[in-house]
Protein backbone atom coordinates (compact mmCIF):
# COMPACT_ATOMS: atom_id res chain seq x y z
CA MET A 1 69.67 140.61 156.37
CA GLN A 2 71.38 137.26 156.88
CA LYS A 3 73.05 137.50 153.46
CA GLY A 4 74.27 141.01 154.28
CA LEU A 5 75.73 139.81 157.59
CA LYS A 6 77.61 137.01 155.84
CA LEU A 7 78.98 139.41 153.23
CA LEU A 8 80.13 141.73 156.02
CA GLN A 9 81.83 138.87 157.85
CA TYR A 10 83.61 137.61 154.74
CA GLY A 11 84.58 141.16 153.82
CA LEU A 12 86.07 141.70 157.28
CA LEU A 13 87.98 138.44 157.10
CA ALA A 14 89.30 139.26 153.61
CA ALA A 15 90.46 142.68 154.80
CA ILE A 16 92.27 141.16 157.78
CA ILE A 17 93.97 138.53 155.61
CA ALA A 18 95.08 141.25 153.19
CA TYR A 19 96.53 143.22 156.12
CA LEU A 20 98.34 140.10 157.39
CA VAL A 21 99.90 139.46 153.97
CA TYR A 22 101.02 143.10 153.78
CA LYS A 23 102.40 143.11 157.34
CA LEU A 24 104.27 139.82 157.01
CA THR A 25 105.64 140.79 153.60
CA HIS A 26 106.91 144.04 155.11
CA LEU A 27 108.64 142.12 157.91
CA GLY A 28 110.02 139.54 155.51
CA TRP A 29 108.61 136.05 155.14
CA ARG A 30 112.04 134.41 155.56
CA GLU A 31 112.69 136.28 158.79
CA VAL A 32 109.26 135.38 160.14
CA ILE A 33 109.54 131.70 159.20
CA GLY A 34 113.08 131.61 160.59
CA ALA A 35 111.77 133.00 163.87
CA LEU A 36 109.18 130.28 164.48
CA PRO A 37 109.40 129.08 168.12
CA GLU A 38 111.92 126.31 168.70
CA SER A 39 110.91 125.48 172.26
CA PRO A 40 108.86 122.26 172.48
CA TRP A 41 107.06 123.82 175.46
CA PHE A 42 105.37 126.30 173.13
CA TYR A 43 103.71 123.46 171.22
CA LEU A 44 102.85 121.49 174.36
CA PHE A 45 101.18 124.52 175.95
CA PHE A 46 99.30 125.15 172.70
CA ILE A 47 97.88 121.60 172.67
CA LEU A 48 96.88 121.84 176.33
CA ARG A 49 95.19 125.20 175.71
CA PHE A 50 93.36 123.78 172.68
CA LEU A 51 92.06 120.82 174.70
CA ALA A 52 91.12 122.79 177.83
CA LEU A 53 87.81 124.00 176.37
CA PRO A 54 86.42 120.68 175.05
CA ILE A 55 87.53 118.79 178.17
CA SER A 56 85.84 121.29 180.46
CA GLU A 57 82.68 121.35 178.32
CA LEU A 58 82.51 117.57 178.46
CA ALA A 59 82.45 117.83 182.27
CA LEU A 60 79.96 120.72 182.18
CA TYR A 61 77.41 118.97 179.98
CA GLU A 62 77.72 115.80 182.03
CA ILE A 63 76.56 117.91 184.98
CA VAL A 64 73.84 119.72 182.98
CA TRP A 65 72.41 116.63 181.28
CA SER A 66 73.15 114.15 184.11
CA ARG A 67 74.70 111.49 181.92
CA PRO A 68 78.20 110.27 180.99
CA LEU A 69 79.51 111.82 177.76
CA VAL A 70 83.15 110.67 177.70
CA ARG A 71 82.66 108.55 174.59
CA HIS A 72 81.29 111.66 172.83
CA PHE A 73 84.41 113.73 173.53
CA PHE A 74 84.99 114.53 169.85
CA VAL A 75 81.58 116.20 169.71
CA PHE A 76 83.02 118.93 171.94
CA ILE A 77 86.16 119.12 169.79
CA ARG A 78 83.93 119.80 166.77
CA LYS A 79 81.92 122.36 168.74
CA ARG A 80 85.16 124.23 169.47
CA VAL A 81 86.16 124.12 165.80
CA TYR A 82 82.81 125.59 164.74
CA ASN A 83 83.05 128.44 167.25
CA PHE A 84 86.66 129.41 166.52
CA ALA A 85 87.10 128.58 162.82
CA VAL A 86 83.61 129.20 161.42
CA MET A 87 81.60 131.70 163.48
CA GLY A 88 80.90 132.45 167.13
CA TYR A 89 77.98 130.43 168.58
CA SER A 90 77.80 128.11 165.55
CA GLY A 91 79.19 125.43 167.88
CA GLU A 92 76.14 125.72 170.14
CA ALA A 93 73.86 125.21 167.13
CA PHE A 94 75.82 122.09 166.15
CA LEU A 95 75.72 120.69 169.70
CA THR A 96 71.96 121.21 169.93
CA ILE A 97 71.33 119.41 166.62
CA TRP A 98 73.71 116.57 167.53
CA ALA A 99 72.19 116.09 171.00
CA ARG A 100 68.67 115.85 169.53
CA ARG A 101 69.86 112.99 167.29
CA ALA A 102 72.16 111.15 169.65
CA LEU A 103 70.85 111.55 173.21
CA ALA A 104 67.63 110.26 174.69
CA LEU A 105 66.71 113.65 176.12
CA PRO A 106 63.64 115.86 175.62
CA HIS A 107 64.20 118.73 173.21
CA LYS A 108 63.47 121.29 175.94
CA THR A 109 66.08 119.75 178.25
CA ILE A 110 68.70 120.00 175.52
CA LEU A 111 67.86 123.62 174.67
CA VAL A 112 67.77 124.70 178.32
CA GLY A 113 71.08 122.94 179.00
CA VAL A 114 72.84 124.62 176.07
CA LYS A 115 71.31 128.03 176.87
CA ASP A 116 72.09 128.00 180.59
CA ASN A 117 75.58 126.61 180.15
CA ASN A 118 76.33 129.20 177.47
CA LEU A 119 75.03 132.01 179.72
CA LEU A 120 77.34 130.92 182.54
CA SER A 121 80.25 130.56 180.10
CA ALA A 122 79.61 134.10 178.88
CA PHE A 123 79.34 135.29 182.48
CA THR A 124 82.75 133.90 183.48
CA SER A 125 84.38 135.05 180.22
CA ASN A 126 82.95 138.54 180.67
CA ALA A 127 84.06 138.62 184.31
CA ALA A 128 87.58 137.55 183.30
CA THR A 129 87.65 140.26 180.63
CA VAL A 130 86.59 142.93 183.12
CA VAL A 131 89.11 141.81 185.76
CA LEU A 132 92.00 141.66 183.26
CA LEU A 133 91.18 145.06 181.72
CA VAL A 134 90.89 146.69 185.14
CA ALA A 135 94.19 145.12 186.24
CA LEU A 136 95.94 146.33 183.08
CA ALA A 137 94.45 149.82 183.44
CA ALA A 138 95.59 149.99 187.07
CA THR A 139 99.16 148.97 186.18
CA GLY A 140 99.45 151.10 183.04
CA GLY A 141 99.54 148.15 180.65
CA LEU A 142 96.30 148.89 178.84
CA GLN A 143 97.51 151.82 176.75
CA ALA A 144 99.31 149.60 174.24
CA GLY A 145 96.09 147.74 173.51
CA LEU A 146 94.15 150.98 173.10
CA ASP A 147 96.71 152.26 170.58
CA ALA A 148 97.10 148.95 168.72
CA PHE A 149 94.99 149.86 165.68
CA PRO A 150 92.39 152.44 164.60
CA GLY A 151 89.18 151.90 166.52
CA ALA A 152 90.84 149.82 169.26
CA ARG A 153 89.71 152.29 171.94
CA TRP A 154 86.08 151.91 170.87
CA LEU A 155 86.43 148.13 170.72
CA PHE A 156 87.96 147.92 174.21
CA ALA A 157 85.39 150.35 175.62
CA LEU A 158 82.46 148.44 174.09
CA ALA A 159 83.90 145.11 175.25
CA PHE A 160 84.35 146.44 178.79
CA LEU A 161 80.87 147.96 178.97
CA SER A 162 79.16 144.94 177.44
CA ALA A 163 81.10 142.56 179.68
CA CYS A 164 80.12 144.54 182.80
CA THR A 165 76.50 144.85 181.69
CA LEU A 166 76.04 141.20 180.74
CA SER A 167 77.75 139.99 183.92
CA LEU A 168 75.45 142.15 186.05
CA LEU A 169 72.35 141.05 184.13
CA VAL A 170 73.18 137.38 184.64
CA MET A 171 73.78 137.96 188.35
CA ILE A 172 70.60 140.00 188.88
CA PHE A 173 68.20 138.00 186.70
CA ARG A 174 69.76 134.54 187.02
CA ASP A 175 66.54 133.03 188.44
CA LYS A 176 64.52 134.30 185.46
CA LEU A 177 67.15 133.62 182.80
CA MET A 178 68.12 130.11 183.86
CA ALA A 179 66.29 126.95 184.81
CA LEU A 180 69.09 124.92 186.39
CA PRO A 181 68.29 122.61 189.33
CA LYS A 182 69.29 123.86 192.77
CA GLY A 183 72.99 123.44 193.50
CA VAL A 184 74.01 122.98 189.86
CA MET A 185 74.91 126.61 189.10
CA PRO A 186 77.81 126.87 191.63
CA ARG A 187 79.34 123.66 190.21
CA LEU A 188 79.14 124.99 186.66
CA ILE A 189 80.58 128.39 187.60
CA SER A 190 83.51 126.71 189.38
CA VAL A 191 84.33 124.66 186.25
CA HIS A 192 83.95 127.67 183.93
CA GLY A 193 86.06 129.86 186.22
CA GLY A 194 88.77 127.24 186.63
CA ARG A 195 88.93 126.72 182.88
CA GLN A 196 89.15 130.45 182.20
CA ALA A 197 92.04 130.85 184.65
CA LEU A 198 93.81 127.78 183.24
CA ILE A 199 93.52 128.99 179.63
CA ILE A 200 94.94 132.42 180.55
CA LEU A 201 97.87 130.78 182.36
CA LEU A 202 98.55 128.35 179.48
CA HIS A 203 98.34 131.21 176.96
CA ALA A 204 100.86 133.30 178.92
CA ALA A 205 103.14 130.29 179.46
CA MET A 206 103.03 129.50 175.73
CA TYR A 207 104.21 133.01 174.83
CA ALA A 208 106.81 133.08 177.63
CA SER A 209 108.29 129.78 176.44
CA ALA A 210 108.67 131.17 172.90
CA LEU A 211 110.18 134.52 173.96
CA PRO A 212 111.60 134.20 177.48
CA GLY A 213 112.56 137.46 179.08
CA ALA A 214 109.65 139.48 177.72
CA PRO A 215 107.59 141.28 180.40
CA VAL A 216 104.59 139.35 181.70
CA MET A 217 102.51 142.52 181.33
CA ALA A 218 103.02 142.37 177.56
CA TRP A 219 101.55 138.87 177.39
CA MET A 220 98.62 139.96 179.56
CA THR A 221 97.93 142.72 177.02
CA PHE A 222 97.94 140.17 174.21
CA ILE A 223 95.56 137.94 176.15
CA ALA A 224 93.32 140.91 176.93
CA MET A 225 93.13 141.60 173.19
CA GLN A 226 92.08 138.01 172.57
CA LEU A 227 89.40 138.20 175.28
CA VAL A 228 88.09 141.50 173.90
CA LEU A 229 87.81 140.04 170.40
CA SER A 230 86.05 136.96 171.77
CA ARG A 231 83.32 139.28 173.08
CA VAL A 232 82.47 140.34 169.50
CA PRO A 233 79.43 138.24 168.43
CA PHE A 234 79.47 136.28 165.16
CA LEU A 235 83.13 137.13 164.50
CA PRO A 236 84.46 135.06 161.57
CA ASN A 237 87.53 132.91 162.38
CA GLN A 238 88.64 134.34 165.71
CA ASP A 239 92.19 133.00 165.38
CA ILE A 240 92.90 134.91 162.15
CA VAL A 241 91.29 138.11 163.45
CA TYR A 242 93.35 137.85 166.64
CA LEU A 243 96.57 137.36 164.65
CA GLY A 244 95.91 140.58 162.75
CA ALA A 245 95.27 142.53 165.95
CA ALA A 246 98.13 140.96 167.92
CA LEU A 247 100.71 141.84 165.26
CA SER A 248 100.02 145.48 166.07
CA LEU A 249 101.12 144.81 169.66
CA ALA A 250 104.54 143.42 168.70
CA PRO A 251 106.51 146.58 169.70
CA ILE A 252 105.54 146.27 173.40
CA VAL A 253 107.29 142.89 173.77
CA GLY A 254 110.82 144.26 173.59
CA ALA A 255 111.92 141.55 171.16
CA PRO A 256 112.63 141.64 167.40
CA GLU A 257 109.34 142.20 165.58
CA ALA A 258 110.01 139.25 163.29
CA ALA A 259 110.36 136.97 166.35
CA VAL A 260 107.01 138.12 167.74
CA ALA A 261 105.43 137.70 164.30
CA GLY A 262 106.93 134.22 164.01
CA MET A 263 105.42 133.23 167.34
CA LEU A 264 102.00 134.61 166.42
CA VAL A 265 102.09 133.03 162.95
CA ALA A 266 103.00 129.69 164.54
CA GLU A 267 100.06 130.02 166.93
CA ALA A 268 97.61 130.94 164.17
CA GLY A 269 99.00 128.28 161.84
CA LEU A 270 98.68 125.59 164.49
CA SER A 271 95.12 126.73 165.20
CA GLN A 272 94.15 126.45 161.55
CA ILE A 273 95.86 123.07 161.15
CA PHE A 274 94.18 121.70 164.27
CA ASN A 275 90.81 123.15 163.27
CA ILE A 276 90.96 121.72 159.74
CA ALA A 277 92.23 118.34 160.94
CA MET A 278 89.58 118.08 163.65
CA PHE A 279 86.86 119.31 161.30
CA PHE A 280 87.49 116.45 158.88
CA ALA A 281 88.20 113.93 161.63
CA THR A 282 84.79 114.62 163.17
CA ALA A 283 82.85 115.10 159.92
CA HIS A 284 80.80 111.96 160.60
CA LEU A 285 79.27 113.68 163.63
CA ALA A 286 77.44 116.11 161.33
CA ARG A 287 76.05 113.31 159.14
CA THR A 288 75.24 110.34 161.35
CA ASP A 289 73.58 109.48 164.64
CA TYR A 290 77.03 109.00 166.17
CA GLY A 291 76.82 107.23 169.46
CA ALA A 292 73.03 107.12 169.38
CA LYS A 293 71.28 104.12 170.83
CA PRO A 294 68.29 102.63 169.02
CA GLY A 295 65.32 104.84 169.58
CA ALA A 296 67.39 107.70 171.04
CA ALA A 297 66.49 110.12 168.28
CA ALA A 298 62.82 109.32 168.61
CA ALA A 299 62.92 109.73 172.38
CA ALA A 300 64.66 113.11 172.06
CA SER A 301 62.09 114.55 169.69
C-alpha cells in the first residue's frame, strides 16, 4: 500500500513536470526567462513569505511546549522544507523525532503538542480556504479557477467540502480532539490566523510587484488555487504542483502569458533553491542531537 502510494505520488509529479516542460517550451524558454520579474520587491516579498511560516511556528511551539525555542529556529525551517518539498505532513514527523532527541519533554507532551498545533493550523487554513472561495464565488472570480484544468471543478468542490467539514469538526469536538491547557487555544488560533492573513497579503503583494496593473481578483484566484492544492494530503512537492496549475490561470491576468509564466517560474525556482539550500544547511538536524542538553534525550523518552 505504502509503495503504491509512493509510486502514485512520483507518477503525478513526473506528469506535472512533463506538462510544465511542454507548456514552457510552447511559450518559448527565452521569452519566459526574459520575463523574469525585475522588481526587487518581488524577491523581498518572497523571502518574507517563506519565513512567515517557520517564524510563526517557532512562536506557536514556544506556547505549546512552554519553553524558549529561538536557538532552534532552523528546526522549523527544515520542517517547512519537508512539508513543501518532500511531502505534506512529513515535517510534523521530523519535528516529533527531533523534539524527542533534543528537548527534555515527555513523549506524550511532544505528540500532543504536534497534534493539537497541527489541528489548529489545519482549522485556520481550512477556514481561510472557505472564506476565500466564498468571496471569489460571490464576486464572480471563481470561474477561472474552476475552468483552469480538467478536474479542477472536482478538486475545488472537494477542497471546499473537506475544509468546511474539518473546520466544523474541530469546532464541535475540540474538547475531545485536543488536550491543550485552558487559555492556550485562543492564543494559538490568533497566531495561526494572523500568519494566514499575512501570507495571503505577502503572496498578493509579490505578484502585484511583478505585474503591476493586473486585477487584484486575479491574484486572489491564484492564491485560492494554492490553498486548494494545500488541502490535498500527501501531495508531492507542492510548489511544483502549484506552478503547473497556476500556469493554466495565466489568461485571467490580462498580461502577456510569457510574463505571467516568467513570474511563476521565478517563484517556483526560488522555492526550489531555498528548499534545497535549507535542506542541506540543516542536514545536521536529522543526524545529531542538535541543541540537546546532556540527558535531554533520556528525559524525553
